[in-house]
């Protein structure tokens, strides 16, 4: 059972964040489920200090392999 960390986001917050960055709801749900399962901890077992930074890392990795997302993100961030 996942423990709710006071700083951990809700699914709705994650969905909004991913949507603002131009990503699909499925990406947000996948990210949320993965880190909820990990109790919002990093690979060393410490609480995630900034979940948005981890989400940005996930988005960057996805964009790296998908040129469409890169071009869409370029338009959003300029």
PDB file of N, CA and C in Angstrom:
ATOM      1  N   UNK A   1       0.840  -1.183   0.000  1.00  0.00           N
ATOM      2  CA  UNK A   1       0.000   0.000   0.000  1.00  0.00           C
ATOM      3  C   UNK A   1       0.884   1.245   0.000  1.00  0.00           C
ATOM      4  N   UNK A   2       0.544   2.195  -0.828  1.00  0.00           N
ATOM      5  CA  UNK A   2       1.329   3.419  -0.942  1.00  0.00           C
ATOM      6  C   UNK A   2       1.052   4.353   0.228  1.00  0.00           C
ATOM      7  N   UNK A   3       2.114   4.967   0.709  1.00  0.00           N
ATOM      8  CA  UNK A   3       1.999   5.934   1.785  1.00  0.00           C
ATOM      9  C   UNK A   3       1.958   7.321   1.169  1.00  0.00           C
ATOM     10  N   UNK A   4       1.043   8.150   1.632  1.00  0.00           N
ATOM     11  CA  UNK A   4       0.906   9.505   1.093  1.00  0.00           C
ATOM     12  C   UNK A   4       1.915  10.415   1.776  1.00  0.00           C
ATOM     13  N   UNK A   5       2.896  10.878   1.015  1.00  0.00           N
ATOM     14  CA  UNK A   5       3.857  11.856   1.491  1.00  0.00           C
ATOM     15  C   UNK A   5       3.176  13.215   1.398  1.00  0.00           C
ATOM     16  N   UNK A   6       3.409  14.079   2.368  1.00  0.00           N
ATOM     17  CA  UNK A   6       2.759  15.393   2.357  1.00  0.00           C
ATOM     18  C   UNK A   6       3.076  16.186   1.095  1.00  0.00           C
ATOM     19  N   UNK A   7       4.260  15.977   0.531  1.00  0.00           N
ATOM     20  CA  UNK A   7       4.665  16.714  -0.658  1.00  0.00           C
ATOM     21  C   UNK A   7       4.334  15.992  -1.963  1.00  0.00           C
ATOM     22  N   UNK A   8       3.766  14.804  -1.872  1.00  0.00           N
ATOM     23  CA  UNK A   8       3.453  14.072  -3.097  1.00  0.00           C
ATOM     24  C   UNK A   8       2.205  14.663  -3.748  1.00  0.00           C
ATOM     25  N   UNK A   9       2.206  14.710  -5.073  1.00  0.00           N
ATOM     26  CA  UNK A   9       1.080  15.326  -5.784  1.00  0.00           C
ATOM     27  C   UNK A   9      -0.117  14.386  -5.896  1.00  0.00           C
ATOM     28  N   UNK A  10      -1.237  14.969  -6.217  1.00  0.00           N
ATOM     29  CA  UNK A  10      -2.418  14.168  -6.540  1.00  0.00           C
ATOM     30  C   UNK A  10      -2.348  13.839  -8.036  1.00  0.00           C
ATOM     31  N   UNK A  11      -3.134  12.879  -8.454  1.00  0.00           N
ATOM     32  CA  UNK A  11      -3.198  12.540  -9.867  1.00  0.00           C
ATOM     33  C   UNK A  11      -3.636  13.751 -10.685  1.00  0.00           C
ATOM     34  N   UNK A  12      -4.575  14.502 -10.159  1.00  0.00           N
ATOM     35  CA  UNK A  12      -5.064  15.685 -10.869  1.00  0.00           C
ATOM     36  C   UNK A  12      -3.937  16.702 -11.084  1.00  0.00           C
ATOM     37  N   UNK A  13      -3.116  16.922 -10.071  1.00  0.00           N
ATOM     38  CA  UNK A  13      -1.993  17.855 -10.210  1.00  0.00           C
ATOM     39  C   UNK A  13      -1.012  17.398 -11.281  1.00  0.00           C
ATOM     40  N   UNK A  14      -0.727  16.099 -11.297  1.00  0.00           N
ATOM     41  CA  UNK A  14       0.200  15.548 -12.289  1.00  0.00           C
ATOM     42  C   UNK A  14      -0.394  15.684 -13.693  1.00  0.00           C
ATOM     43  N   UNK A  15      -1.672  15.392 -13.828  1.00  0.00           N
ATOM     44  CA  UNK A  15      -2.327  15.514 -15.140  1.00  0.00           C
ATOM     45  C   UNK A  15      -2.279  16.961 -15.643  1.00  0.00           C
ATOM     46  N   UNK A  16      -2.531  17.901 -14.764  1.00  0.00           N
ATOM     47  CA  UNK A  16      -2.486  19.316 -15.149  1.00  0.00           C
ATOM     48  C   UNK A  16      -1.080  19.693 -15.586  1.00  0.00           C
ATOM     49  N   UNK A  17      -0.083  19.274 -14.822  1.00  0.00           N
ATOM     50  CA  UNK A  17       1.305  19.608 -15.147  1.00  0.00           C
ATOM     51  C   UNK A  17       1.706  19.045 -16.513  1.00  0.00           C
ATOM     52  N   UNK A  18       1.387  17.781 -16.760  1.00  0.00           N
ATOM     53  CA  UNK A  18       1.732  17.161 -18.042  1.00  0.00           C
ATOM     54  C   UNK A  18       0.976  17.840 -19.187  1.00  0.00           C
ATOM     55  N   UNK A  19      -0.279  18.177 -18.957  1.00  0.00           N
ATOM     56  CA  UNK A  19      -1.077  18.855 -19.982  1.00  0.00           C
ATOM     57  C   UNK A  19      -0.472  20.214 -20.318  1.00  0.00           C
ATOM     58  N   UNK A  20      -0.036  20.953 -19.318  1.00  0.00           N
ATOM     59  CA  UNK A  20       0.574  22.257 -19.552  1.00  0.00           C
ATOM     60  C   UNK A  20       1.851  22.151 -20.383  1.00  0.00           C
ATOM     61  N   UNK A  21       2.518  21.014 -20.278  1.00  0.00           N
ATOM     62  CA  UNK A  21       3.755  20.799 -21.036  1.00  0.00           C
ATOM     63  C   UNK A  21       3.499  20.140 -22.393  1.00  0.00           C
ATOM     64  N   UNK A  22       2.232  19.890 -22.708  1.00  0.00           N
ATOM     65  CA  UNK A  22       1.886  19.339 -24.018  1.00  0.00           C
ATOM     66  C   UNK A  22       1.921  17.827 -24.106  1.00  0.00           C
ATOM     67  N   UNK A  23       1.840  17.141 -22.970  1.00  0.00           N
ATOM     68  CA  UNK A  23       1.876  15.684 -22.969  1.00  0.00           C
ATOM     69  C   UNK A  23       0.489  15.118 -22.724  1.00  0.00           C
ATOM     70  N   UNK A  24       0.347  13.864 -23.075  1.00  0.00           N
ATOM     71  CA  UNK A  24      -0.937  13.181 -22.990  1.00  0.00           C
ATOM     72  C   UNK A  24      -1.269  12.779 -21.554  1.00  0.00           C
ATOM     73  N   UNK A  25      -2.538  12.589 -21.304  1.00  0.00           N
ATOM     74  CA  UNK A  25      -3.019  12.142 -19.996  1.00  0.00           C
ATOM     75  C   UNK A  25      -2.422  10.791 -19.620  1.00  0.00           C
ATOM     76  N   UNK A  26      -2.226   9.931 -20.611  1.00  0.00           N
ATOM     77  CA  UNK A  26      -1.652   8.606 -20.355  1.00  0.00           C
ATOM     78  C   UNK A  26      -0.233   8.721 -19.808  1.00  0.00           C
ATOM     79  N   UNK A  27       0.531   9.708 -20.288  1.00  0.00           N
ATOM     80  CA  UNK A  27       1.884   9.929 -19.786  1.00  0.00           C
ATOM     81  C   UNK A  27       1.839  10.322 -18.308  1.00  0.00           C
ATOM     82  N   UNK A  28       0.901  11.179 -17.973  1.00  0.00           N
ATOM     83  CA  UNK A  28       0.751  11.627 -16.583  1.00  0.00           C
ATOM     84  C   UNK A  28       0.347  10.462 -15.684  1.00  0.00           C
ATOM     85  N   UNK A  29      -0.590   9.664 -16.149  1.00  0.00           N
ATOM     86  CA  UNK A  29      -1.050   8.533 -15.347  1.00  0.00           C
ATOM     87  C   UNK A  29       0.058   7.525 -15.125  1.00  0.00           C
ATOM     88  N   UNK A  30       0.833   7.267 -16.160  1.00  0.00           N
ATOM     89  CA  UNK A  30       1.958   6.336 -16.052  1.00  0.00           C
ATOM     90  C   UNK A  30       2.986   6.840 -15.037  1.00  0.00           C
ATOM     91  N   UNK A  31       3.325   8.107 -15.132  1.00  0.00           N
ATOM     92  CA  UNK A  31       4.269   8.713 -14.199  1.00  0.00           C
ATOM     93  C   UNK A  31       3.736   8.619 -12.766  1.00  0.00           C
ATOM     94  N   UNK A  32       2.484   8.994 -12.580  1.00  0.00           N
ATOM     95  CA  UNK A  32       1.875   8.981 -11.255  1.00  0.00           C
ATOM     96  C   UNK A  32       1.877   7.574 -10.657  1.00  0.00           C
ATOM     97  N   UNK A  33       1.438   6.600 -11.433  1.00  0.00           N
ATOM     98  CA  UNK A  33       1.368   5.226 -10.930  1.00  0.00           C
ATOM     99  C   UNK A  33       2.747   4.697 -10.555  1.00  0.00           C
ATOM    100  N   UNK A  34       3.745   5.001 -11.386  1.00  0.00           N
ATOM    101  CA  UNK A  34       5.097   4.525 -11.106  1.00  0.00           C
ATOM    102  C   UNK A  34       5.616   5.071  -9.777  1.00  0.00           C
ATOM    103  N   UNK A  35       5.473   6.368  -9.564  1.00  0.00           N
ATOM    104  CA  UNK A  35       6.020   6.954  -8.350  1.00  0.00           C
ATOM    105  C   UNK A  35       5.130   6.730  -7.129  1.00  0.00           C
ATOM    106  N   UNK A  36       3.858   6.538  -7.346  1.00  0.00           N
ATOM    107  CA  UNK A  36       2.985   6.179  -6.231  1.00  0.00           C
ATOM    108  C   UNK A  36       3.388   4.794  -5.713  1.00  0.00           C
ATOM    109  N   UNK A  37       3.685   3.893  -6.637  1.00  0.00           N
ATOM    110  CA  UNK A  37       4.119   2.551  -6.270  1.00  0.00           C
ATOM    111  C   UNK A  37       5.440   2.606  -5.494  1.00  0.00           C
ATOM    112  N   UNK A  38       6.289   3.589  -5.830  1.00  0.00           N
ATOM    113  CA  UNK A  38       7.573   3.764  -5.141  1.00  0.00           C
ATOM    114  C   UNK A  38       7.446   4.645  -3.894  1.00  0.00           C
ATOM    115  N   UNK A  39       6.206   4.956  -3.505  1.00  0.00           N
ATOM    116  CA  UNK A  39       5.934   5.821  -2.349  1.00  0.00           C
ATOM    117  C   UNK A  39       6.595   7.192  -2.490  1.00  0.00           C
ATOM    118  N   UNK A  40       6.686   7.680  -3.705  1.00  0.00           N
ATOM    119  CA  UNK A  40       7.255   9.000  -4.006  1.00  0.00           C
ATOM    120  C   UNK A  40       8.673   9.127  -3.451  1.00  0.00           C
ATOM    121  N   UNK A  41       9.441   8.044  -3.707  1.00  0.00           N
ATOM    122  CA  UNK A  41      10.840   8.036  -3.307  1.00  0.00           C
ATOM    123  C   UNK A  41      11.719   7.894  -4.539  1.00  0.00           C
ATOM    124  N   UNK A  42      12.953   8.397  -4.426  1.00  0.00           N
ATOM    125  CA  UNK A  42      13.892   8.257  -5.535  1.00  0.00           C
ATOM    126  C   UNK A  42      14.517   6.870  -5.510  1.00  0.00           C
ATOM    127  N   UNK A  43      15.468   6.628  -6.394  1.00  0.00           N
ATOM    128  CA  UNK A  43      16.083   5.308  -6.493  1.00  0.00           C
ATOM    129  C   UNK A  43      16.893   4.936  -5.257  1.00  0.00           C
ATOM    130  N   UNK A  44      17.231   5.916  -4.433  1.00  0.00           N
ATOM    131  CA  UNK A  44      17.992   5.649  -3.206  1.00  0.00           C
ATOM    132  C   UNK A  44      17.082   5.506  -1.985  1.00  0.00           C
ATOM    133  N   UNK A  45      15.762   5.548  -2.216  1.00  0.00           N
ATOM    134  CA  UNK A  45      14.814   5.362  -1.130  1.00  0.00           C
ATOM    135  C   UNK A  45      14.515   6.620  -0.329  1.00  0.00           C
ATOM    136  N   UNK A  46      14.972   7.764  -0.824  1.00  0.00           N
ATOM    137  CA  UNK A  46      14.709   9.033  -0.141  1.00  0.00           C
ATOM    138  C   UNK A  46      13.498   9.707  -0.786  1.00  0.00           C
ATOM    139  N   UNK A  47      12.721  10.447   0.000  1.00  0.00           N
ATOM    140  CA  UNK A  47      11.543  11.119  -0.564  1.00  0.00           C
ATOM    141  C   UNK A  47      11.925  12.057  -1.710  1.00  0.00           C
ATOM    142  N   UNK A  48      11.093  12.063  -2.740  1.00  0.00           N
ATOM    143  CA  UNK A  48      11.316  12.985  -3.851  1.00  0.00           C
ATOM    144  C   UNK A  48      11.148  14.407  -3.340  1.00  0.00           C
ATOM    145  N   UNK A  49      12.158  15.219  -3.531  1.00  0.00           N
ATOM    146  CA  UNK A  49      12.104  16.601  -3.081  1.00  0.00           C
ATOM    147  C   UNK A  49      11.262  17.427  -4.053  1.00  0.00           C
ATOM    148  N   UNK A  50      11.399  17.137  -5.346  1.00  0.00           N
ATOM    149  CA  UNK A  50      10.711  17.921  -6.364  1.00  0.00           C
ATOM    150  C   UNK A  50      10.178  16.980  -7.448  1.00  0.00           C
ATOM    151  N   UNK A  51       8.914  16.623  -7.343  1.00  0.00           N
ATOM    152  CA  UNK A  51       8.351  15.679  -8.318  1.00  0.00           C
ATOM    153  C   UNK A  51       8.299  16.281  -9.714  1.00  0.00           C
ATOM    154  N   UNK A  52       8.188  17.608  -9.815  1.00  0.00           N
ATOM    155  CA  UNK A  52       8.137  18.247 -11.140  1.00  0.00           C
ATOM    156  C   UNK A  52       9.453  18.066 -11.885  1.00  0.00           C
ATOM    157  N   UNK A  53      10.565  18.115 -11.164  1.00  0.00           N
ATOM    158  CA  UNK A  53      11.864  17.898 -11.790  1.00  0.00           C
ATOM    159  C   UNK A  53      11.946  16.484 -12.351  1.00  0.00           C
ATOM    160  N   UNK A  54      11.425  15.515 -11.608  1.00  0.00           N
ATOM    161  CA  UNK A  54      11.416  14.118 -12.078  1.00  0.00           C
ATOM    162  C   UNK A  54      10.478  13.982 -13.271  1.00  0.00           C
ATOM    163  N   UNK A  55       9.358  14.694 -13.257  1.00  0.00           N
ATOM    164  CA  UNK A  55       8.428  14.671 -14.392  1.00  0.00           C
ATOM    165  C   UNK A  55       9.092  15.291 -15.622  1.00  0.00           C
ATOM    166  N   UNK A  56       9.821  16.392 -15.428  1.00  0.00           N
ATOM    167  CA  UNK A  56      10.522  17.028 -16.549  1.00  0.00           C
ATOM    168  C   UNK A  56      11.555  16.087 -17.150  1.00  0.00           C
ATOM    169  N   UNK A  57      12.230  15.337 -16.291  1.00  0.00           N
ATOM    170  CA  UNK A  57      13.204  14.355 -16.770  1.00  0.00           C
ATOM    171  C   UNK A  57      12.515  13.303 -17.629  1.00  0.00           C
ATOM    172  N   UNK A  58      11.363  12.832 -17.173  1.00  0.00           N
ATOM    173  CA  UNK A  58      10.592  11.836 -17.929  1.00  0.00           C
ATOM    174  C   UNK A  58      10.169  12.402 -19.284  1.00  0.00           C
ATOM    175  N   UNK A  59       9.711  13.658 -19.292  1.00  0.00           N
ATOM    176  CA  UNK A  59       9.273  14.300 -20.536  1.00  0.00           C
ATOM    177  C   UNK A  59      10.451  14.470 -21.489  1.00  0.00           C
ATOM    178  N   UNK A  60      11.603  14.875 -20.957  1.00  0.00           N
ATOM    179  CA  UNK A  60      12.786  15.074 -21.795  1.00  0.00           C
ATOM    180  C   UNK A  60      13.189  13.762 -22.450  1.00  0.00           C
ATOM    181  N   UNK A  61      13.193  12.679 -21.685  1.00  0.00           N
ATOM    182  CA  UNK A  61      13.560  11.379 -22.247  1.00  0.00           C
ATOM    183  C   UNK A  61      12.586  10.964 -23.349  1.00  0.00           C
ATOM    184  N   UNK A  62      11.313  11.255 -23.157  1.00  0.00           N
ATOM    185  CA  UNK A  62      10.324  10.914 -24.180  1.00  0.00           C
ATOM    186  C   UNK A  62      10.518  11.776 -25.429  1.00  0.00           C
ATOM    187  N   UNK A  63      10.805  13.051 -25.239  1.00  0.00           N
ATOM    188  CA  UNK A  63      11.017  13.961 -26.372  1.00  0.00           C
ATOM    189  C   UNK A  63      12.270  13.589 -27.155  1.00  0.00           C
ATOM    190  N   UNK A  64      13.271  13.108 -26.450  1.00  0.00           N
ATOM    191  CA  UNK A  64      14.538  12.747 -27.077  1.00  0.00           C
ATOM    192  C   UNK A  64      14.331  11.715 -28.193  1.00  0.00           C
ATOM    193  N   UNK A  65      13.390  10.815 -27.996  1.00  0.00           N
ATOM    194  CA  UNK A  65      13.137   9.749 -28.958  1.00  0.00           C
ATOM    195  C   UNK A  65      11.985  10.037 -29.912  1.00  0.00           C
ATOM    196  N   UNK A  66      11.351  11.213 -29.770  1.00  0.00           N
ATOM    197  CA  UNK A  66      10.186  11.502 -30.589  1.00  0.00           C
ATOM    198  C   UNK A  66      10.281  12.938 -31.103  1.00  0.00           C
ATOM    199  N   UNK A  67      10.650  13.088 -32.353  1.00  0.00           N
ATOM    200  CA  UNK A  67      10.874  14.424 -32.909  1.00  0.00           C
ATOM    201  C   UNK A  67       9.609  15.283 -32.905  1.00  0.00           C
ATOM    202  N   UNK A  68       8.437  14.668 -33.030  1.00  0.00           N
ATOM    203  CA  UNK A  68       7.194  15.444 -32.993  1.00  0.00           C
ATOM    204  C   UNK A  68       7.057  16.148 -31.641  1.00  0.00           C
ATOM    205  N   UNK A  69       7.308  15.417 -30.559  1.00  0.00           N
ATOM    206  CA  UNK A  69       7.207  16.029 -29.234  1.00  0.00           C
ATOM    207  C   UNK A  69       8.246  17.122 -29.055  1.00  0.00           C
ATOM    208  N   UNK A  70       9.436  16.931 -29.636  1.00  0.00           N
ATOM    209  CA  UNK A  70      10.468  17.966 -29.535  1.00  0.00           C
ATOM    210  C   UNK A  70      10.002  19.236 -30.201  1.00  0.00           C
ATOM    211  N   UNK A  71       9.427  19.128 -31.403  1.00  0.00           N
ATOM    212  CA  UNK A  71       8.997  20.330 -32.103  1.00  0.00           C
ATOM    213  C   UNK A  71       7.825  20.994 -31.379  1.00  0.00           C
ATOM    214  N   UNK A  72       6.939  20.199 -30.809  1.00  0.00           N
ATOM    215  CA  UNK A  72       5.805  20.730 -30.068  1.00  0.00           C
ATOM    216  C   UNK A  72       6.295  21.455 -28.815  1.00  0.00           C
ATOM    217  N   UNK A  73       7.263  20.869 -28.122  1.00  0.00           N
ATOM    218  CA  UNK A  73       7.810  21.478 -26.912  1.00  0.00           C
ATOM    219  C   UNK A  73       8.547  22.762 -27.247  1.00  0.00           C
ATOM    220  N   UNK A  74       9.244  22.799 -28.355  1.00  0.00           N
ATOM    221  CA  UNK A  74       9.962  24.014 -28.753  1.00  0.00           C
ATOM    222  C   UNK A  74       8.975  25.165 -28.911  1.00  0.00           C
ATOM    223  N   UNK A  75       7.841  24.890 -29.522  1.00  0.00           N
ATOM    224  CA  UNK A  75       6.834  25.920 -29.689  1.00  0.00           C
ATOM    225  C   UNK A  75       6.283  26.366 -28.338  1.00  0.00           C
ATOM    226  N   UNK A  76       6.118  25.455 -27.429  1.00  0.00           N
ATOM    227  CA  UNK A  76       5.552  25.781 -26.121  1.00  0.00           C
ATOM    228  C   UNK A  76       6.502  26.589 -25.268  1.00  0.00           C
ATOM    229  N   UNK A  77       7.801  26.310 -25.332  1.00  0.00           N
ATOM    230  CA  UNK A  77       8.752  26.925 -24.422  1.00  0.00           C
ATOM    231  C   UNK A  77       9.344  28.211 -24.968  1.00  0.00           C
ATOM    232  N   UNK A  78       9.038  28.566 -26.178  1.00  0.00           N
ATOM    233  CA  UNK A  78       9.565  29.824 -26.747  1.00  0.00           C
ATOM    234  C   UNK A  78       8.596  30.948 -26.572  1.00  0.00           C
TER     235      UNK A  78
END
